Amino acid sequence: MELSSSKEEKKETFGGVVYECVRCGTQVIAEKLAQLPEIKCICGYRILKKSRPPIVKQLKAI
């Protein structure tokens, strides 16, 4: 059953914005932040940065 739950979590993060706490490094999905009354990490720190996706984009030079 763990495999199906991990696949569901991957579907959630695909296309979603992921934020990372500057202090502790915890990653939070934007949908979960929207559910909370305040935008802050579980450690209480309010500074979050948008983490970059692991995909490297290549552009053709002109």
PDB file of N, CA and C in Angstrom:
ATOM      1  N   MET A   1       0.801  -1.190   0.000  1.00  0.00           N
ATOM      2  CA  MET A   1       0.000   0.000   0.000  1.00  0.00           C
ATOM      3  C   MET A   1       0.851   1.265   0.000  1.00  0.00           C
ATOM      4  N   GLU A   2       2.077   1.161   0.438  1.00  0.00           N
ATOM      5  CA  GLU A   2       2.943   2.326   0.482  1.00  0.00           C
ATOM      6  C   GLU A   2       3.270   2.830  -0.917  1.00  0.00           C
ATOM      7  N   LEU A   3       3.365   1.939  -1.869  1.00  0.00           N
ATOM      8  CA  LEU A   3       3.687   2.352  -3.224  1.00  0.00           C
ATOM      9  C   LEU A   3       2.597   3.233  -3.808  1.00  0.00           C
ATOM     10  N   SER A   4       1.343   2.900  -3.583  1.00  0.00           N
ATOM     11  CA  SER A   4       0.256   3.702  -4.134  1.00  0.00           C
ATOM     12  C   SER A   4       0.206   5.082  -3.487  1.00  0.00           C
ATOM     13  N   SER A   5       0.494   5.172  -2.191  1.00  0.00           N
ATOM     14  CA  SER A   5       0.470   6.474  -1.528  1.00  0.00           C
ATOM     15  C   SER A   5       1.625   7.354  -1.999  1.00  0.00           C
ATOM     16  N   SER A   6       2.793   6.757  -2.276  1.00  0.00           N
ATOM     17  CA  SER A   6       3.913   7.554  -2.762  1.00  0.00           C
ATOM     18  C   SER A   6       3.658   8.047  -4.178  1.00  0.00           C
ATOM     19  N   LYS A   7       2.961   7.260  -4.989  1.00  0.00           N
ATOM     20  CA  LYS A   7       2.613   7.703  -6.336  1.00  0.00           C
ATOM     21  C   LYS A   7       1.640   8.870  -6.281  1.00  0.00           C
ATOM     22  N   GLU A   8       0.702   8.835  -5.335  1.00  0.00           N
ATOM     23  CA  GLU A   8      -0.255   9.923  -5.189  1.00  0.00           C
ATOM     24  C   GLU A   8       0.450  11.206  -4.764  1.00  0.00           C
ATOM     25  N   GLU A   9       1.442  11.101  -3.895  1.00  0.00           N
ATOM     26  CA  GLU A   9       2.185  12.273  -3.459  1.00  0.00           C
ATOM     27  C   GLU A   9       2.967  12.874  -4.618  1.00  0.00           C
ATOM     28  N   LYS A  10       3.535  12.033  -5.480  1.00  0.00           N
ATOM     29  CA  LYS A  10       4.273  12.535  -6.630  1.00  0.00           C
ATOM     30  C   LYS A  10       3.346  13.253  -7.592  1.00  0.00           C
ATOM     31  N   LYS A  11       2.122  12.767  -7.752  1.00  0.00           N
ATOM     32  CA  LYS A  11       1.156  13.433  -8.617  1.00  0.00           C
ATOM     33  C   LYS A  11       0.802  14.809  -8.074  1.00  0.00           C
ATOM     34  N   GLU A  12       0.731  14.940  -6.755  1.00  0.00           N
ATOM     35  CA  GLU A  12       0.423  16.224  -6.143  1.00  0.00           C
ATOM     36  C   GLU A  12       1.533  17.233  -6.404  1.00  0.00           C
ATOM     37  N   THR A  13       2.788  16.823  -6.241  1.00  0.00           N
ATOM     38  CA  THR A  13       3.893  17.753  -6.387  1.00  0.00           C
ATOM     39  C   THR A  13       4.168  18.091  -7.838  1.00  0.00           C
ATOM     40  N   PHE A  14       3.764  17.245  -8.773  1.00  0.00           N
ATOM     41  CA  PHE A  14       4.004  17.527 -10.183  1.00  0.00           C
ATOM     42  C   PHE A  14       3.124  18.694 -10.601  1.00  0.00           C
ATOM     43  N   GLY A  15       3.733  19.759 -11.078  1.00  0.00           N
ATOM     44  CA  GLY A  15       2.985  20.923 -11.505  1.00  0.00           C
ATOM     45  C   GLY A  15       2.674  21.879 -10.371  1.00  0.00           C
ATOM     46  N   GLY A  16       2.893  21.464  -9.135  1.00  0.00           N
ATOM     47  CA  GLY A  16       2.641  22.332  -7.990  1.00  0.00           C
ATOM     48  C   GLY A  16       3.900  23.087  -7.612  1.00  0.00           C
ATOM     49  N   VAL A  17       3.704  24.199  -6.918  1.00  0.00           N
ATOM     50  CA  VAL A  17       4.834  25.003  -6.483  1.00  0.00           C
ATOM     51  C   VAL A  17       5.294  24.494  -5.123  1.00  0.00           C
ATOM     52  N   VAL A  18       6.593  24.300  -4.981  1.00  0.00           N
ATOM     53  CA  VAL A  18       7.163  23.805  -3.728  1.00  0.00           C
ATOM     54  C   VAL A  18       8.010  24.912  -3.119  1.00  0.00           C
ATOM     55  N   TYR A  19       7.746  25.211  -1.844  1.00  0.00           N
ATOM     56  CA  TYR A  19       8.505  26.212  -1.119  1.00  0.00           C
ATOM     57  C   TYR A  19       9.384  25.529  -0.088  1.00  0.00           C
ATOM     58  N   GLU A  20      10.517  26.176   0.239  1.00  0.00           N
ATOM     59  CA  GLU A  20      11.474  25.620   1.194  1.00  0.00           C
ATOM     60  C   GLU A  20      11.759  26.654   2.277  1.00  0.00           C
ATOM     61  N   CYS A  21      11.742  26.220   3.521  1.00  0.00           N
ATOM     62  CA  CYS A  21      12.037  27.099   4.651  1.00  0.00           C
ATOM     63  C   CYS A  21      13.523  27.462   4.628  1.00  0.00           C
ATOM     64  N   VAL A  22      13.813  28.736   4.866  1.00  0.00           N
ATOM     65  CA  VAL A  22      15.200  29.195   4.841  1.00  0.00           C
ATOM     66  C   VAL A  22      15.960  28.702   6.069  1.00  0.00           C
ATOM     67  N   ARG A  23      15.289  28.590   7.201  1.00  0.00           N
ATOM     68  CA  ARG A  23      15.952  28.189   8.447  1.00  0.00           C
ATOM     69  C   ARG A  23      16.203  26.685   8.515  1.00  0.00           C
ATOM     70  N   CYS A  24      15.144  25.869   8.370  1.00  0.00           N
ATOM     71  CA  CYS A  24      15.298  24.429   8.614  1.00  0.00           C
ATOM     72  C   CYS A  24      15.338  23.591   7.333  1.00  0.00           C
ATOM     73  N   GLY A  25      14.938  24.146   6.189  1.00  0.00           N
ATOM     74  CA  GLY A  25      15.012  23.418   4.927  1.00  0.00           C
ATOM     75  C   GLY A  25      13.826  22.520   4.635  1.00  0.00           C
ATOM     76  N   THR A  26      12.758  22.617   5.427  1.00  0.00           N
ATOM     77  CA  THR A  26      11.565  21.805   5.199  1.00  0.00           C
ATOM     78  C   THR A  26      10.873  22.256   3.921  1.00  0.00           C
ATOM     79  N   GLN A  27      10.459  21.301   3.090  1.00  0.00           N
ATOM     80  CA  GLN A  27       9.768  21.629   1.850  1.00  0.00           C
ATOM     81  C   GLN A  27       8.266  21.479   2.037  1.00  0.00           C
ATOM     82  N   VAL A  28       7.522  22.496   1.569  1.00  0.00           N
ATOM     83  CA  VAL A  28       6.074  22.535   1.733  1.00  0.00           C
ATOM     84  C   VAL A  28       5.442  22.841   0.386  1.00  0.00           C
ATOM     85  N   ILE A  29       4.339  22.149   0.072  1.00  0.00           N
ATOM     86  CA  ILE A  29       3.608  22.386  -1.169  1.00  0.00           C
ATOM     87  C   ILE A  29       2.702  23.599  -0.975  1.00  0.00           C
ATOM     88  N   ALA A  30       2.488  24.369  -2.038  1.00  0.00           N
ATOM     89  CA  ALA A  30       1.689  25.588  -1.963  1.00  0.00           C
ATOM     90  C   ALA A  30       0.256  25.313  -1.521  1.00  0.00           C
ATOM     91  N   GLU A  31      -0.303  24.173  -1.900  1.00  0.00           N
ATOM     92  CA  GLU A  31      -1.677  23.846  -1.508  1.00  0.00           C
ATOM     93  C   GLU A  31      -1.795  23.683   0.010  1.00  0.00           C
ATOM     94  N   LYS A  32      -0.759  23.124   0.625  1.00  0.00           N
ATOM     95  CA  LYS A  32      -0.787  22.953   2.081  1.00  0.00           C
ATOM     96  C   LYS A  32      -0.618  24.294   2.784  1.00  0.00           C
ATOM     97  N   LEU A  33       0.155  25.210   2.195  1.00  0.00           N
ATOM     98  CA  LEU A  33       0.300  26.539   2.778  1.00  0.00           C
ATOM     99  C   LEU A  33      -1.012  27.307   2.708  1.00  0.00           C
ATOM    100  N   ALA A  34      -1.783  27.090   1.650  1.00  0.00           N
ATOM    101  CA  ALA A  34      -3.057  27.784   1.487  1.00  0.00           C
ATOM    102  C   ALA A  34      -4.073  27.343   2.536  1.00  0.00           C
ATOM    103  N   GLN A  35      -3.938  26.140   3.052  1.00  0.00           N
ATOM    104  CA  GLN A  35      -4.872  25.628   4.052  1.00  0.00           C
ATOM    105  C   GLN A  35      -4.618  26.224   5.437  1.00  0.00           C
ATOM    106  N   LEU A  36      -3.412  26.692   5.688  1.00  0.00           N
ATOM    107  CA  LEU A  36      -3.049  27.227   7.000  1.00  0.00           C
ATOM    108  C   LEU A  36      -3.500  28.684   7.134  1.00  0.00           C
ATOM    109  N   PRO A  37      -3.800  29.140   8.357  1.00  0.00           N
ATOM    110  CA  PRO A  37      -4.208  30.540   8.538  1.00  0.00           C
ATOM    111  C   PRO A  37      -3.061  31.532   8.313  1.00  0.00           C
ATOM    112  N   GLU A  38      -1.826  31.122   8.578  1.00  0.00           N
ATOM    113  CA  GLU A  38      -0.657  31.968   8.356  1.00  0.00           C
ATOM    114  C   GLU A  38       0.313  31.247   7.442  1.00  0.00           C
ATOM    115  N   ILE A  39       1.062  32.018   6.666  1.00  0.00           N
ATOM    116  CA  ILE A  39       2.077  31.411   5.807  1.00  0.00           C
ATOM    117  C   ILE A  39       3.377  31.367   6.598  1.00  0.00           C
ATOM    118  N   LYS A  40       3.665  30.189   7.137  1.00  0.00           N
ATOM    119  CA  LYS A  40       4.917  29.997   7.860  1.00  0.00           C
ATOM    120  C   LYS A  40       5.225  28.513   7.937  1.00  0.00           C
ATOM    121  N   CYS A  41       6.473  28.217   8.233  1.00  0.00           N
ATOM    122  CA  CYS A  41       6.952  26.842   8.348  1.00  0.00           C
ATOM    123  C   CYS A  41       6.501  26.247   9.682  1.00  0.00           C
ATOM    124  N   ILE A  42       6.642  24.934   9.813  1.00  0.00           N
ATOM    125  CA  ILE A  42       6.290  24.285  11.075  1.00  0.00           C
ATOM    126  C   ILE A  42       7.240  24.694  12.203  1.00  0.00           C
ATOM    127  N   CYS A  43       8.428  25.180  11.850  1.00  0.00           N
ATOM    128  CA  CYS A  43       9.374  25.633  12.872  1.00  0.00           C
ATOM    129  C   CYS A  43       9.043  27.048  13.352  1.00  0.00           C
ATOM    130  N   GLY A  44       8.104  27.729  12.672  1.00  0.00           N
ATOM    131  CA  GLY A  44       7.692  29.065  13.079  1.00  0.00           C
ATOM    132  C   GLY A  44       8.319  30.180  12.265  1.00  0.00           C
ATOM    133  N   TYR A  45       9.267  29.851  11.414  1.00  0.00           N
ATOM    134  CA  TYR A  45       9.946  30.851  10.594  1.00  0.00           C
ATOM    135  C   TYR A  45       9.049  31.246   9.431  1.00  0.00           C
ATOM    136  N   ARG A  46       9.010  32.522   9.093  1.00  0.00           N
ATOM    137  CA  ARG A  46       8.081  33.003   8.069  1.00  0.00           C
ATOM    138  C   ARG A  46       8.730  33.286   6.721  1.00  0.00           C
ATOM    139  N   ILE A  47       9.993  33.004   6.579  1.00  0.00           N
ATOM    140  CA  ILE A  47      10.665  33.259   5.307  1.00  0.00           C
ATOM    141  C   ILE A  47      10.798  31.947   4.550  1.00  0.00           C
ATOM    142  N   LEU A  48      10.115  31.877   3.402  1.00  0.00           N
ATOM    143  CA  LEU A  48      10.147  30.700   2.542  1.00  0.00           C
ATOM    144  C   LEU A  48      10.657  31.120   1.176  1.00  0.00           C
ATOM    145  N   LYS A  49      11.380  30.229   0.526  1.00  0.00           N
ATOM    146  CA  LYS A  49      11.828  30.517  -0.837  1.00  0.00           C
ATOM    147  C   LYS A  49      11.268  29.457  -1.772  1.00  0.00           C
ATOM    148  N   LYS A  50      11.067  29.839  -3.000  1.00  0.00           N
ATOM    149  CA  LYS A  50      10.550  28.907  -3.998  1.00  0.00           C
ATOM    150  C   LYS A  50      11.712  28.039  -4.465  1.00  0.00           C
ATOM    151  N   SER A  51      11.576  26.730  -4.295  1.00  0.00           N
ATOM    152  CA  SER A  51      12.665  25.839  -4.698  1.00  0.00           C
ATOM    153  C   SER A  51      12.578  25.557  -6.194  1.00  0.00           C
ATOM    154  N   ARG A  52      13.722  25.375  -6.784  1.00  0.00           N
ATOM    155  CA  ARG A  52      13.791  25.140  -8.229  1.00  0.00           C
ATOM    156  C   ARG A  52      13.471  23.688  -8.550  1.00  0.00           C
ATOM    157  N   PRO A  53      12.839  23.455  -9.693  1.00  0.00           N
ATOM    158  CA  PRO A  53      12.570  22.071 -10.093  1.00  0.00           C
ATOM    159  C   PRO A  53      13.866  21.367 -10.493  1.00  0.00           C
ATOM    160  N   PRO A  54      13.917  20.042 -10.377  1.00  0.00           N
ATOM    161  CA  PRO A  54      15.144  19.312 -10.705  1.00  0.00           C
ATOM    162  C   PRO A  54      15.413  19.219 -12.209  1.00  0.00           C
ATOM    163  N   ILE A  55      14.496  19.672 -13.033  1.00  0.00           N
ATOM    164  CA  ILE A  55      14.644  19.573 -14.487  1.00  0.00           C
ATOM    165  C   ILE A  55      15.483  20.744 -14.992  1.00  0.00           C
ATOM    166  N   VAL A  56      16.494  20.441 -15.800  1.00  0.00           N
ATOM    167  CA  VAL A  56      17.337  21.468 -16.393  1.00  0.00           C
ATOM    168  C   VAL A  56      16.788  21.788 -17.773  1.00  0.00           C
ATOM    169  N   LYS A  57      16.491  23.063 -17.997  1.00  0.00           N
ATOM    170  CA  LYS A  57      15.965  23.475 -19.297  1.00  0.00           C
ATOM    171  C   LYS A  57      17.120  23.909 -20.186  1.00  0.00           C
ATOM    172  N   GLN A  58      17.105  23.435 -21.419  1.00  0.00           N
ATOM    173  CA  GLN A  58      18.132  23.816 -22.377  1.00  0.00           C
ATOM    174  C   GLN A  58      17.486  24.644 -23.475  1.00  0.00           C
ATOM    175  N   LEU A  59      18.107  25.774 -23.783  1.00  0.00           N
ATOM    176  CA  LEU A  59      17.608  26.660 -24.818  1.00  0.00           C
ATOM    177  C   LEU A  59      18.584  26.681 -25.979  1.00  0.00           C
ATOM    178  N   LYS A  60      18.043  26.815 -27.163  1.00  0.00           N
ATOM    179  CA  LYS A  60      18.878  26.871 -28.352  1.00  0.00           C
ATOM    180  C   LYS A  60      19.413  28.291 -28.521  1.00  0.00           C
ATOM    181  N   ALA A  61      20.724  28.432 -28.693  1.00  0.00           N
ATOM    182  CA  ALA A  61      21.341  29.741 -28.873  1.00  0.00           C
ATOM    183  C   ALA A  61      21.074  30.256 -30.281  1.00  0.00           C
ATOM    184  N   ILE A  62      20.935  31.547 -30.363  1.00  0.00           N
ATOM    185  CA  ILE A  62      20.671  32.157 -31.681  1.00  0.00           C
ATOM    186  C   ILE A  62      21.967  32.563 -32.341  1.00  0.00           C
TER     187      ILE A  62
END
